[in-house]
Protein backbone atom coordinates (compact mmCIF):
# COMPACT_ATOMS: atom_id res chain seq x y z
CA MET A 1 92.67 122.59 128.35
CA LYS A 2 91.99 124.26 125.03
CA LYS A 3 93.42 127.53 126.35
CA PHE A 4 96.59 125.75 127.48
CA ALA A 5 96.99 124.07 124.08
CA LEU A 6 96.51 127.42 122.32
CA LEU A 7 99.08 129.12 124.56
CA LEU A 8 101.55 126.27 123.98
CA ALA A 9 101.09 126.54 120.21
CA LEU A 10 101.65 130.32 120.35
CA ILE A 11 104.89 129.88 122.32
CA MET A 12 106.14 127.34 119.77
CA VAL A 13 105.40 129.71 116.91
CA ILE A 14 107.25 132.56 118.61
CA CYS A 15 110.27 130.35 119.33
CA CYS A 16 110.42 129.15 115.75
CA VAL A 17 110.43 132.66 114.28
CA PRO A 18 114.09 133.76 113.78
CA ALA A 19 115.18 136.84 115.68
CA MET A 20 115.29 139.91 113.48
CA ALA A 21 118.78 141.30 113.09
CA ALA A 22 119.39 144.95 113.88
CA GLU A 23 119.07 147.14 110.81
CA THR A 24 122.43 147.86 109.21
CA VAL A 25 122.92 151.22 107.54
CA THR A 26 125.85 153.24 106.25
CA GLY A 27 126.83 156.57 107.78
CA GLU A 28 129.36 158.71 109.62
CA LEU A 29 131.15 156.85 112.43
CA LEU A 30 133.17 159.71 113.93
CA VAL A 31 132.17 162.33 116.47
CA ASN A 32 133.56 165.84 115.86
CA GLY A 33 135.28 165.10 112.58
CA ASP A 34 135.27 168.82 111.73
CA MET A 35 137.33 169.56 114.88
CA GLU A 36 135.07 172.47 115.84
CA LEU A 37 134.12 170.94 119.19
CA CYS A 38 137.61 170.07 120.41
CA GLY A 39 138.27 171.30 123.91
CA THR A 40 141.65 171.53 125.59
CA SER A 41 141.33 167.81 126.40
CA MET A 42 140.70 167.02 122.70
CA ASP A 43 137.58 165.06 123.69
CA PRO A 44 136.35 162.84 122.08
CA TRP A 45 139.71 162.55 120.32
CA THR A 46 142.75 161.18 122.13
CA HIS A 47 146.40 161.25 121.15
CA TYR A 48 149.57 159.28 121.84
CA SER A 49 152.88 160.72 123.03
CA SER A 50 151.46 164.25 122.95
CA GLY A 51 152.11 166.43 119.89
CA CYS A 52 148.42 167.13 119.06
CA GLU A 53 146.39 170.17 120.05
CA LYS A 54 143.47 172.28 118.91
CA SER A 55 144.50 175.19 116.67
CA THR A 56 142.92 178.25 115.06
CA TYR A 57 146.04 179.00 113.00
CA VAL A 58 144.45 177.52 109.88
CA ALA A 59 141.20 175.65 109.14
CA HIS A 60 139.74 174.00 106.08
CA SER A 61 136.23 174.87 107.28
CA GLY A 62 134.96 176.57 110.41
CA THR A 63 137.59 178.02 112.72
CA ASN A 64 139.42 175.01 114.21
CA SER A 65 141.76 172.27 113.10
CA VAL A 66 144.06 169.89 114.97
CA LYS A 67 147.75 170.74 114.94
CA SER A 68 149.97 167.66 114.80
CA THR A 69 153.67 168.13 115.59
CA LYS A 70 155.91 165.11 115.32
CA SER A 71 159.25 165.41 117.11
CA GLU A 72 161.66 163.31 119.12
CA GLY A 73 159.57 161.27 121.56
CA LYS A 74 156.26 162.59 120.18
CA THR A 75 154.52 160.45 117.58
CA ALA A 76 151.56 162.85 117.31
CA VAL A 77 148.94 160.16 116.61
CA LEU A 78 145.34 161.40 116.76
CA THR A 79 142.86 158.59 117.46
CA GLN A 80 139.19 157.79 117.98
CA ASP A 81 137.30 154.48 118.41
CA ALA A 82 133.94 153.69 116.85
CA GLU A 83 131.45 150.84 117.06
CA PHE A 84 130.48 149.44 113.66
CA ILE A 85 129.58 146.24 111.80
CA GLY A 86 132.38 144.55 109.89
CA GLY A 87 132.12 142.93 106.48
CA GLY A 88 131.44 146.06 104.45
CA LEU A 89 133.38 148.93 102.95
CA VAL A 90 134.93 151.65 105.10
CA ASN A 91 135.69 155.02 103.48
CA ILE A 92 138.22 157.29 105.22
CA SER A 93 139.03 160.87 104.22
CA ALA A 94 140.61 164.02 105.62
CA TRP A 95 141.97 167.42 104.66
CA VAL A 96 145.58 168.06 105.68
CA TYR A 97 147.62 171.27 105.57
CA THR A 98 151.35 171.83 105.96
CA GLU A 99 153.80 174.61 105.19
CA GLU A 100 156.73 172.19 105.03
CA ALA A 101 158.15 170.34 102.03
CA ASN A 102 158.27 166.55 101.57
CA LYS A 103 155.59 165.79 104.15
CA THR A 104 153.24 162.82 104.29
CA ALA A 105 150.15 162.07 106.36
CA GLY A 106 147.61 159.29 106.60
CA TRP A 107 146.13 156.74 108.95
CA LYS A 108 146.40 153.32 110.45
CA PHE A 109 143.25 151.56 111.59
CA TYR A 110 142.70 148.49 113.74
CA TYR A 111 139.71 146.16 113.74
CA PHE A 112 138.56 144.42 116.94
CA ASP A 113 136.08 141.60 117.51
CA LYS A 114 133.39 141.48 120.21
CA ASP A 115 135.92 140.11 122.71
CA GLY A 116 138.31 143.01 122.17
CA ASN A 117 140.87 141.06 120.15
CA ALA A 118 142.65 142.89 117.32
CA ILE A 119 141.93 140.86 114.18
CA HIS A 120 143.31 143.07 111.39
CA ASN A 121 144.98 146.43 110.68
CA GLU A 122 145.74 148.53 107.62
CA GLN A 123 147.79 151.65 106.92
CA ASN A 124 147.80 154.32 104.19
CA MET A 125 150.15 157.30 103.86
CA PHE A 126 149.89 160.07 101.26
CA PRO A 127 152.21 162.85 99.98
CA LEU A 128 151.09 166.39 100.85
CA ASN A 129 151.13 169.64 98.92
CA GLN A 130 153.19 172.39 100.48
CA GLY A 131 151.38 175.56 101.51
CA LYS A 132 147.83 174.39 100.74
CA TRP A 133 145.22 171.87 101.81
CA THR A 134 145.49 168.32 100.48
CA TYR A 135 142.52 165.95 100.31
CA ILE A 136 143.44 162.35 101.15
CA SER A 137 141.12 159.33 101.06
CA SER A 138 141.05 155.53 100.86
CA GLU A 139 138.58 152.67 100.87
CA ALA A 140 138.95 149.32 102.62
CA LEU A 141 136.92 146.15 103.02
CA SER A 142 136.52 145.51 106.74
CA PRO A 143 136.78 141.94 108.08
CA THR A 144 133.61 140.03 108.93
CA GLY A 145 133.18 139.71 112.69
CA ALA A 146 134.68 143.10 113.54
CA THR A 147 132.58 145.16 115.94
CA ARG A 148 134.91 148.07 116.72
CA ILE A 149 137.38 150.05 114.68
CA GLN A 150 140.12 152.39 115.93
CA PHE A 151 141.39 155.12 113.62
CA GLN A 152 144.84 156.61 114.07
CA PHE A 153 145.54 159.71 112.00
CA ARG A 154 149.30 160.03 111.60
CA ASN A 155 151.94 162.64 110.85
CA GLY A 156 154.49 160.92 108.62
CA GLU A 157 157.71 162.85 109.27
CA MET A 158 159.17 165.20 111.82
CA GLY A 159 157.43 168.55 111.63
CA THR A 160 153.97 170.10 111.79
CA LEU A 161 150.74 169.61 109.89
CA TYR A 162 147.04 170.25 110.47
CA PHE A 163 144.08 167.84 110.21
CA ASP A 164 140.52 169.03 109.50
CA ASP A 165 137.18 167.71 108.21
CA VAL A 166 138.01 164.10 108.94
CA SER A 167 135.37 161.54 107.97
CA VAL A 168 134.92 157.78 108.31
CA ILE A 169 131.91 156.24 106.58
CA GLY A 170 131.02 152.66 107.45
CA GLU A 171 128.23 150.26 108.34
CA ALA A 172 126.63 150.29 111.77
CA THR A 173 123.25 149.93 113.40
CA GLN A 174 120.79 152.77 112.95
CA MET A 175 120.89 153.26 116.72
CA ARG A 176 124.67 153.77 116.67
CA LEU A 177 124.57 156.24 113.76
CA ASP A 178 121.73 158.16 115.42
CA GLU A 179 123.82 158.33 118.59
CA VAL A 180 126.76 159.84 116.68
CA LYS A 181 124.50 162.28 114.84
CA ASN A 182 122.68 163.36 117.99
CA LYS A 183 125.92 163.89 119.89
CA ASN A 184 127.32 166.05 117.10
CA GLU A 185 124.11 168.08 116.89
CA ARG A 186 123.89 168.44 120.68
CA GLU A 187 127.49 169.63 120.94
CA TRP A 188 126.96 172.04 118.04
CA LYS A 189 123.89 173.46 119.76
CA PHE A 190 125.89 174.00 122.95
CA LEU A 191 128.73 175.58 120.95
CA ASN A 192 126.36 177.99 119.20
CA ILE A 193 124.77 178.97 122.53
CA ARG A 194 128.22 179.65 123.99
CA ARG A 195 129.25 181.70 120.97
CA SER A 196 126.02 183.68 121.13
CA PHE A 197 126.59 184.36 124.85
CA MET A 198 130.14 185.52 124.15
CA MET A 199 128.97 187.86 121.38
CA GLN A 200 126.35 189.37 123.70
CA THR A 201 128.61 189.81 126.72
CA LEU A 202 131.74 190.96 124.86
CA PRO A 203 130.51 194.53 124.16
CA ASN A 204 129.50 194.91 127.82
CA ARG A 205 132.91 193.71 128.98
CA GLN A 206 134.61 196.10 126.58
CA MET A 207 132.50 198.99 127.92
CA GLN A 208 133.33 198.02 131.50
CA LEU A 209 137.02 197.85 130.64
CA LEU A 210 136.84 201.23 128.90
CA ALA A 211 135.05 202.79 131.90
CA THR A 212 137.63 201.34 134.27
CA THR A 213 140.47 202.67 132.11
CA ARG A 214 138.94 206.13 132.04
CA THR A 215 138.46 206.07 135.83
CA LEU A 216 142.06 205.09 136.41
CA SER A 217 143.37 207.73 134.01
CA ALA A 218 141.30 210.39 135.76
CA THR A 219 142.56 209.46 139.21
CA PRO A 220 145.37 211.82 140.29
CA VAL A 221 148.67 210.28 141.24
CA LEU A 222 149.59 211.28 144.77
CA LYS A 223 153.21 212.29 145.27
CA LYS A 224 154.88 211.94 148.60
């Protein structure tokens, strides 16, 4: 009887203790913001109405950026979703390059609740410098109750520009931020292994090509 009473008391204590909320921390919400990991599918980025593609023409850092070309029927909107915790500040920034005059670029972002309903959106557009990289940034207070945010990086006018080193800093659980960090580090590790393999095999391929070329040039041409 005493054991039963003790067990009952323990259960009551446990039930009365409030559940501990998941730790909320601030960190990077985007995967592959530096655009170095973009494949031909642009994963994990998506885009609307085409107009966006990976490019090595110019880069703010590394070797890649995303080329955004807005034309008739192509809005060239680059987008990525992220889980986060609403009610805090969200800081968005990017580097943008264009060789055209009178260009603008920026973003529109949508907040969604746990049921997937859009509860708020904001938009910021910025003038760009011609022929050099422009740093653009803004800060917004996210609505309480939001659990997901969708970022849409936008090309303002018809023409071409390049996005690189995009960053979105916001509040999320430590688990979510670790997931983003680990995915970025894992993809970078794979990228470095692939680059190392290419550097090792390239000389051999060049030698094979050279040997094949020499063999072909030494082969007499038979005349009929």
